[in-house]
C-alpha cells in the first residue's frame, strides 16, 4: 500500500504559477508511474500528466507547454509546476501512483487532493 500526500494548492490569479508536490510513502515498486489528475466542479476527473519511472513525461493537450511534471526518486516525490494558469485550470488536483510488483500485480493509490483556484 502506498500513501500519497499532496500539497501546494491555493488561490492564484490568471497568468500566475503554482507548484504542487506529492510525497509517496509505503511499498513503492521499482516500476511505477506517478501522475496528476484533476476534477473541476461538476465534471469528471481527468488525467493531466504522468511520469513513469525511467521514461518520458506525458501531458494532456490542455496543459501541454504550461505544466511540467517531474519526480525526485530519492524523495519519492512528484511535482507539478503549473505556469500561465487559466481559470479553467480550477479544480481539485489528485496525485496518483500506479505500481507493478515483481509478480506483475498492479497497485493503484490516490492522494486526498489539493484545491487549485484560478481567478480571472
Protein backbone atom coordinates (compact mmCIF):
# COMPACT_ATOMS: atom_id res chain seq x y z
CA UNK A 1 0.00 0.00 0.00
CA UNK A 2 1.27 3.45 -0.95
CA UNK A 3 0.16 6.61 0.80
CA UNK A 4 0.20 9.89 -1.09
CA UNK A 5 0.13 13.37 0.44
CA UNK A 6 -0.32 16.37 -1.83
CA UNK A 7 0.49 19.98 -1.04
CA UNK A 8 0.92 23.30 -2.80
CA UNK A 9 -2.59 24.16 -3.91
CA UNK A 10 -4.09 27.58 -3.38
CA UNK A 11 -5.60 30.67 -4.89
CA UNK A 12 -3.82 32.42 -7.75
CA UNK A 13 -4.66 34.98 -10.41
CA UNK A 14 -4.79 34.03 -14.06
CA UNK A 15 -1.30 34.02 -15.54
CA UNK A 16 0.24 33.04 -12.25
CA UNK A 17 2.05 29.89 -11.16
CA UNK A 18 1.76 27.19 -8.55
CA UNK A 19 3.84 24.14 -7.75
CA UNK A 20 2.15 21.02 -6.45
CA UNK A 21 4.02 18.32 -4.57
CA UNK A 22 3.07 14.74 -3.82
CA UNK A 23 5.06 12.69 -1.35
CA UNK A 24 4.71 8.93 -1.51
CA UNK A 25 5.38 6.50 1.32
CA UNK A 26 4.94 2.80 1.82
CA UNK A 27 5.79 -0.05 -0.54
CA UNK A 28 6.93 1.67 -3.71
CA UNK A 29 7.81 -0.69 -6.53
CA UNK A 30 10.67 -0.07 -8.93
CA UNK A 31 8.37 0.02 -11.94
CA UNK A 32 5.76 2.66 -11.35
CA UNK A 33 4.06 5.63 -12.89
CA UNK A 34 3.13 8.71 -10.94
CA UNK A 35 0.71 11.22 -12.28
CA UNK A 36 -1.65 14.07 -11.67
CA UNK A 37 -5.36 14.18 -12.32
CA UNK A 38 -7.87 16.92 -11.68
CA UNK A 39 -11.58 17.26 -11.13
CA UNK A 40 -13.35 20.53 -11.76
CA UNK A 41 -16.73 21.27 -10.16
CA UNK A 42 -19.45 19.31 -11.90
CA UNK A 43 -17.02 17.45 -14.14
CA UNK A 44 -15.39 14.04 -14.21
CA UNK A 45 -11.86 13.52 -13.05
CA UNK A 46 -9.41 13.92 -15.92
CA UNK A 47 -5.80 12.99 -16.46
CA UNK A 48 -3.33 15.89 -16.51
CA UNK A 49 0.18 14.48 -16.70
CA UNK A 50 2.20 11.40 -15.87
CA UNK A 51 5.80 10.37 -15.46
CA UNK A 52 6.81 6.71 -15.50
CA UNK A 53 9.96 5.62 -13.72
CA UNK A 54 12.80 5.96 -16.17
CA UNK A 55 10.65 7.15 -19.05
CA UNK A 56 9.48 10.34 -20.65
CA UNK A 57 6.67 12.56 -19.49
CA UNK A 58 3.19 12.82 -20.95
CA UNK A 59 0.69 15.67 -20.84
CA UNK A 60 -2.91 16.33 -21.66
CA UNK A 61 -3.26 18.71 -24.59
CA UNK A 62 -4.96 21.28 -22.35
CA UNK A 63 -1.84 21.75 -20.22
CA UNK A 64 0.96 20.99 -22.67
CA UNK A 65 3.51 23.79 -22.72
CA UNK A 66 2.25 25.26 -19.44
CA UNK A 67 2.64 22.45 -16.91
CA UNK A 68 5.74 20.42 -16.13
CA UNK A 69 5.75 17.16 -14.22
CA UNK A 70 8.92 15.93 -12.56
CA UNK A 71 9.94 13.46 -9.91
CA UNK A 72 12.64 13.02 -7.30
CA UNK A 73 13.02 9.29 -6.84
CA UNK A 74 15.29 9.71 -3.84
CA UNK A 75 12.49 11.55 -2.05
CA UNK A 76 9.65 9.53 -3.60
CA UNK A 77 8.08 12.82 -4.59
CA UNK A 78 6.42 14.01 -7.76
CA UNK A 79 5.88 17.65 -8.64
CA UNK A 80 3.63 19.57 -10.97
CA UNK A 81 4.84 23.03 -11.93
CA UNK A 82 1.90 24.96 -13.28
CA UNK A 83 2.57 28.18 -15.20
CA UNK A 84 0.34 30.53 -17.14
CA UNK A 85 -2.64 29.33 -15.16
CA UNK A 86 -6.11 29.87 -16.53
CA UNK A 87 -9.48 29.97 -14.76
CA UNK A 88 -10.32 26.68 -16.46
CA UNK A 89 -7.46 25.07 -14.54
CA UNK A 90 -9.51 25.49 -11.37
CA UNK A 91 -10.00 22.04 -9.88
CA UNK A 92 -9.04 19.66 -7.14
CA UNK A 93 -5.77 18.06 -8.18
CA UNK A 94 -5.09 14.47 -7.24
CA UNK A 95 -1.83 12.59 -7.20
CA UNK A 96 -1.85 9.02 -8.45
CA UNK A 97 0.54 6.12 -8.05
CA UNK A 98 0.40 3.04 -10.27
CA UNK A 99 2.91 0.34 -9.48
CA UNK A 100 3.68 -3.20 -10.63
CA UNK A 101 5.26 -5.71 -8.26
CA UNK A 102 7.78 -8.37 -9.36
CA UNK A 103 4.89 -10.82 -9.84
CA UNK A 104 3.15 -8.49 -12.23
CA UNK A 105 0.40 -7.44 -9.87
CA UNK A 106 -0.76 -3.87 -10.24
CA UNK A 107 -1.39 -1.45 -7.41
CA UNK A 108 -3.11 1.92 -7.57
CA UNK A 109 -3.27 4.69 -4.95
CA UNK A 110 -4.74 8.20 -4.80
CA UNK A 111 -3.96 11.20 -2.68
CA UNK A 112 -6.58 13.21 -0.86
CA UNK A 113 -6.43 16.08 -3.35
CA UNK A 114 -5.33 19.69 -3.21
CA UNK A 115 -7.51 22.54 -4.42
CA UNK A 116 -6.34 24.99 -7.05
CA UNK A 117 -8.41 28.08 -7.74
CA UNK A 118 -7.50 30.45 -10.55
CA UNK A 119 -9.27 33.81 -10.62
CA UNK A 120 -9.68 35.96 -13.71
